[in-house]
N, C-alpha and C. Protein backbone atom coordinates (compact mmCIF):
# COMPACT_ATOMS: atom_id res chain seq x y z
N MET A 1 43.23 -60.41 10.01
CA MET A 1 44.52 -59.54 10.36
C MET A 1 44.65 -58.10 9.92
N LYS A 2 45.20 -57.31 10.33
CA LYS A 2 45.09 -55.94 10.08
C LYS A 2 46.55 -55.69 9.38
N VAL A 3 46.61 -55.31 8.23
CA VAL A 3 48.07 -55.10 7.74
C VAL A 3 48.08 -53.79 6.74
N SER A 4 49.12 -52.80 6.58
CA SER A 4 49.05 -51.70 5.76
C SER A 4 50.00 -51.66 4.86
N GLY A 5 49.59 -50.94 3.75
CA GLY A 5 50.99 -50.62 2.87
C GLY A 5 51.46 -51.88 2.08
N ASP A 6 52.83 -51.54 2.12
CA ASP A 6 53.54 -52.81 1.35
C ASP A 6 53.61 -53.95 2.21
N ASN A 7 53.16 -53.94 3.34
CA ASN A 7 53.36 -55.07 4.19
C ASN A 7 52.35 -56.13 3.24
N VAL A 8 51.29 -55.87 2.78
CA VAL A 8 50.54 -56.98 2.34
C VAL A 8 51.18 -57.66 1.40
N GLU A 9 51.89 -57.04 0.35
CA GLU A 9 52.84 -57.79 -0.48
C GLU A 9 53.75 -58.44 0.20
N LYS A 10 54.45 -58.11 1.36
CA LYS A 10 55.58 -58.84 2.00
C LYS A 10 54.90 -59.97 2.72
N LEU A 11 53.85 -59.68 3.31
CA LEU A 11 52.97 -60.73 4.24
C LEU A 11 52.67 -62.06 2.95
N ARG A 12 52.21 -61.58 1.80
CA ARG A 12 51.73 -62.71 0.66
C ARG A 12 53.18 -63.46 0.34
N ALA A 13 54.40 -62.63 0.37
CA ALA A 13 55.76 -63.48 0.03
C ALA A 13 56.10 -64.23 0.98
N GLN A 14 55.79 -64.11 2.42
CA GLN A 14 55.99 -64.88 3.52
C GLN A 14 55.29 -66.00 3.56
N PHE A 15 53.89 -65.94 3.04
CA PHE A 15 53.02 -67.11 2.92
C PHE A 15 53.58 -68.01 1.91
N ASP A 16 54.31 -67.42 0.81
CA ASP A 16 54.60 -68.30 -0.33
C ASP A 16 55.84 -68.97 0.40
N ALA A 17 56.77 -68.46 0.99
CA ALA A 17 57.93 -68.92 1.37
C ALA A 17 57.41 -70.17 2.29
N GLU A 18 56.62 -69.98 3.25
CA GLU A 18 56.14 -70.85 4.39
C GLU A 18 55.42 -72.36 3.66
N GLU A 19 55.02 -72.05 2.40
CA GLU A 19 54.37 -73.14 1.70
C GLU A 19 55.52 -74.09 1.43
N ALA A 20 56.92 -73.78 1.24
CA ALA A 20 57.91 -74.75 1.00
C ALA A 20 58.38 -75.53 2.34
N ARG A 21 57.95 -75.01 3.44
CA ARG A 21 58.06 -76.01 4.65
C ARG A 21 57.35 -77.30 4.49
N SER A 22 57.93 -78.28 4.98
CA SER A 22 57.32 -79.56 5.10
C SER A 22 56.55 -79.71 6.76
N VAL A 23 55.17 -79.77 6.60
CA VAL A 23 54.76 -80.00 7.93
C VAL A 23 53.70 -80.86 7.86
N PRO A 24 54.10 -81.67 8.68
CA PRO A 24 53.12 -83.03 8.89
C PRO A 24 51.70 -82.54 9.12
N GLY A 25 50.64 -83.04 8.05
CA GLY A 25 49.41 -82.83 8.16
C GLY A 25 48.84 -81.83 7.56
N TYR A 26 49.65 -80.69 7.14
CA TYR A 26 49.37 -79.59 6.62
C TYR A 26 48.70 -80.02 5.20
N ILE A 27 47.73 -79.32 4.75
CA ILE A 27 47.18 -79.62 3.50
C ILE A 27 47.04 -78.26 2.52
N SER A 28 46.74 -77.20 2.92
CA SER A 28 46.72 -76.09 2.25
C SER A 28 46.32 -74.70 3.05
N SER A 29 46.57 -73.69 2.64
CA SER A 29 46.24 -72.31 3.12
C SER A 29 45.70 -71.54 1.96
N HIS A 30 44.85 -70.38 2.47
CA HIS A 30 44.26 -69.64 1.47
C HIS A 30 44.07 -68.29 2.01
N VAL A 31 44.42 -67.28 1.09
CA VAL A 31 44.41 -65.84 1.48
C VAL A 31 43.27 -65.19 1.06
N LEU A 32 42.43 -64.50 1.77
CA LEU A 32 41.39 -63.59 1.17
C LEU A 32 41.68 -62.07 1.58
N VAL A 33 41.70 -61.22 0.47
CA VAL A 33 42.18 -59.82 0.70
C VAL A 33 40.55 -59.11 0.48
N PRO A 34 39.90 -58.80 1.38
CA PRO A 34 38.77 -58.23 1.09
C PRO A 34 38.69 -57.13 0.20
N GLY A 35 37.77 -56.94 -0.67
CA GLY A 35 37.88 -55.81 -1.60
C GLY A 35 37.24 -54.51 -1.08
N GLU A 36 36.40 -54.64 0.11
CA GLU A 36 35.58 -53.45 0.66
C GLU A 36 36.23 -53.14 1.85
N ARG A 37 37.33 -54.08 2.49
CA ARG A 37 37.85 -53.84 3.86
C ARG A 37 39.44 -53.79 3.42
N PRO A 38 39.82 -52.53 3.20
CA PRO A 38 41.30 -52.24 3.03
C PRO A 38 42.06 -52.41 4.24
N GLY A 39 43.15 -52.82 4.02
CA GLY A 39 43.93 -53.15 5.39
C GLY A 39 43.80 -54.55 6.23
N GLU A 40 42.89 -55.41 5.59
CA GLU A 40 42.67 -56.41 6.25
C GLU A 40 43.02 -57.79 5.26
N VAL A 41 43.48 -58.72 5.95
CA VAL A 41 43.84 -60.11 5.32
C VAL A 41 43.19 -61.21 6.04
N TRP A 42 42.56 -62.04 5.56
CA TRP A 42 41.92 -63.26 6.09
C TRP A 42 42.82 -64.61 5.58
N ILE A 43 43.05 -65.57 6.50
CA ILE A 43 43.83 -66.61 6.14
C ILE A 43 43.18 -67.71 6.70
N ALA A 44 42.87 -68.63 5.90
CA ALA A 44 42.32 -70.10 6.27
C ALA A 44 43.41 -71.22 5.80
N VAL A 45 43.94 -71.92 7.17
CA VAL A 45 44.78 -72.75 7.00
C VAL A 45 44.04 -74.16 7.22
N PHE A 46 44.35 -75.51 6.29
CA PHE A 46 43.86 -76.65 6.65
C PHE A 46 44.94 -77.62 6.85
N PHE A 47 44.42 -78.44 7.89
CA PHE A 47 45.20 -79.55 8.53
C PHE A 47 44.47 -80.78 8.28
N GLN A 48 45.06 -81.90 8.31
CA GLN A 48 44.43 -83.02 8.15
C GLN A 48 43.39 -83.51 9.27
N ASP A 49 44.07 -83.04 10.62
CA ASP A 49 43.25 -83.19 11.82
C ASP A 49 43.73 -82.44 12.77
N LYS A 50 42.92 -82.46 13.95
CA LYS A 50 43.37 -81.29 15.07
C LYS A 50 44.84 -81.57 15.68
N ASP A 51 45.12 -82.95 15.68
CA ASP A 51 46.44 -83.39 16.49
C ASP A 51 47.73 -82.67 15.33
N SER A 52 47.49 -82.52 14.09
CA SER A 52 48.55 -82.12 13.42
C SER A 52 48.48 -80.63 13.51
N TYR A 53 47.40 -80.10 13.44
CA TYR A 53 47.39 -78.41 13.71
C TYR A 53 48.08 -78.31 15.09
N THR A 54 47.84 -78.96 16.11
CA THR A 54 48.30 -78.67 17.41
C THR A 54 49.84 -78.85 17.32
N LYS A 55 50.31 -79.97 16.97
CA LYS A 55 51.75 -80.22 16.77
C LYS A 55 52.42 -79.02 16.20
N ASN A 56 51.85 -78.75 15.17
CA ASN A 56 52.49 -77.42 14.27
C ASN A 56 52.28 -76.19 15.24
N ALA A 57 51.22 -75.82 15.63
CA ALA A 57 50.83 -74.77 16.73
C ALA A 57 52.11 -74.86 17.90
N ASP A 58 52.65 -75.89 18.45
CA ASP A 58 53.31 -75.94 19.41
C ASP A 58 54.81 -76.00 18.96
N ASP A 59 55.00 -76.06 17.66
CA ASP A 59 56.47 -76.07 17.05
C ASP A 59 57.18 -74.76 17.26
N PRO A 60 58.26 -74.69 17.69
CA PRO A 60 59.05 -73.60 17.72
C PRO A 60 59.46 -72.98 16.55
N ALA A 61 59.36 -73.63 15.41
CA ALA A 61 59.87 -73.27 13.88
C ALA A 61 58.69 -72.55 13.40
N GLN A 62 57.29 -72.91 13.78
CA GLN A 62 56.15 -72.12 13.64
C GLN A 62 56.12 -70.74 14.40
N HIS A 63 56.49 -70.97 15.70
CA HIS A 63 56.47 -69.66 16.35
C HIS A 63 57.61 -68.68 15.68
N GLU A 64 58.60 -69.18 15.21
CA GLU A 64 59.45 -68.10 14.52
C GLU A 64 58.76 -67.56 13.31
N GLU A 65 57.87 -68.23 12.70
CA GLU A 65 57.52 -67.98 11.41
C GLU A 65 56.43 -67.07 11.75
N TYR A 66 55.51 -67.43 13.01
CA TYR A 66 54.55 -66.36 13.43
C TYR A 66 55.18 -64.97 13.63
N LEU A 67 56.29 -64.96 14.35
CA LEU A 67 57.13 -63.93 14.79
C LEU A 67 57.34 -63.00 13.53
N LYS A 68 57.82 -63.53 12.42
CA LYS A 68 58.02 -62.63 10.96
C LYS A 68 56.87 -62.17 10.61
N MET A 69 55.63 -62.99 10.49
CA MET A 69 54.30 -62.60 10.25
C MET A 69 53.92 -61.17 11.11
N ARG A 70 53.94 -61.66 12.44
CA ARG A 70 53.47 -60.23 13.20
C ARG A 70 54.20 -59.19 13.05
N ALA A 71 55.53 -59.12 12.69
CA ALA A 71 55.98 -57.87 12.50
C ALA A 71 55.73 -56.99 11.41
N LEU A 72 54.91 -57.86 10.47
CA LEU A 72 54.21 -57.15 9.50
C LEU A 72 52.84 -56.36 9.61
N LEU A 73 52.48 -56.99 10.77
CA LEU A 73 50.89 -56.79 11.05
C LEU A 73 50.70 -55.16 11.93
N ASP A 74 49.64 -54.77 11.86
CA ASP A 74 49.43 -53.61 12.67
C ASP A 74 48.98 -53.78 13.93
N GLU A 75 48.60 -55.03 14.15
CA GLU A 75 48.13 -55.33 15.45
C GLU A 75 47.98 -57.06 15.70
N ASP A 76 48.03 -57.50 16.68
CA ASP A 76 47.90 -58.93 16.76
C ASP A 76 46.89 -59.52 16.19
N PRO A 77 46.82 -60.61 15.41
CA PRO A 77 45.63 -61.18 14.56
C PRO A 77 44.75 -61.70 15.51
N GLU A 78 43.37 -62.02 15.05
CA GLU A 78 42.45 -62.66 15.90
C GLU A 78 42.40 -64.04 15.13
N TRP A 79 42.49 -65.24 16.25
CA TRP A 79 42.39 -66.43 15.76
C TRP A 79 41.04 -67.00 15.91
N ILE A 80 40.61 -67.75 14.93
CA ILE A 80 39.25 -68.67 15.11
C ILE A 80 39.57 -69.75 14.68
N ASP A 81 39.77 -70.85 15.80
CA ASP A 81 39.86 -72.29 15.42
C ASP A 81 38.38 -72.70 15.30
N GLY A 82 38.48 -73.79 14.33
CA GLY A 82 37.14 -74.67 14.39
C GLY A 82 37.26 -75.72 13.18
N THR A 83 36.26 -76.31 12.90
CA THR A 83 36.40 -77.35 11.87
C THR A 83 35.57 -76.82 10.56
N TRP A 84 36.17 -76.91 9.36
CA TRP A 84 35.31 -76.37 8.22
C TRP A 84 34.18 -77.67 7.76
N GLU A 85 33.04 -77.23 7.36
CA GLU A 85 32.28 -78.12 6.77
C GLU A 85 32.06 -77.79 5.57
N SER A 86 31.99 -78.90 4.69
CA SER A 86 31.57 -78.73 3.13
C SER A 86 31.04 -79.92 2.74
N SER A 87 30.42 -79.90 1.53
CA SER A 87 29.63 -80.67 0.73
C SER A 87 30.84 -81.72 0.31
N GLU A 88 31.97 -81.16 0.14
CA GLU A 88 32.94 -82.39 -0.44
C GLU A 88 34.16 -82.24 0.66
N PRO A 89 34.74 -83.48 1.06
CA PRO A 89 35.77 -83.60 1.94
C PRO A 89 37.01 -83.00 1.45
N LEU A 90 37.92 -82.34 2.43
CA LEU A 90 39.17 -81.53 1.95
C LEU A 90 40.12 -82.94 1.58
N ARG A 91 40.82 -82.90 0.69
CA ARG A 91 41.77 -83.79 0.46
C ARG A 91 43.24 -83.18 0.50
N PRO A 92 44.25 -84.17 0.76
CA PRO A 92 45.48 -83.37 0.96
C PRO A 92 46.14 -83.06 -0.43
N ALA A 93 46.94 -81.91 -0.37
CA ALA A 93 47.26 -81.28 -1.92
C ALA A 93 48.38 -82.32 -2.41
């Protein structure tokens, strides 16, 4: 995501607020602020399974959260859906 100025901190605060929502299947999310790429933020969001992810993506409440996030961004975010592979399985928080 491309984000400028104090919007980085506003975005971080929004992510913290979203953590309080109870979303079935949600495990965790992680924010990366690349040191050598100012104005970028990367987010990895983990769900127990694709069905939980899809239900959340289709939830009108999630769309409202997206609109709040989008208002802080310089442009539409790039989405990359996929499966993380790890030497250890992800466990619910």
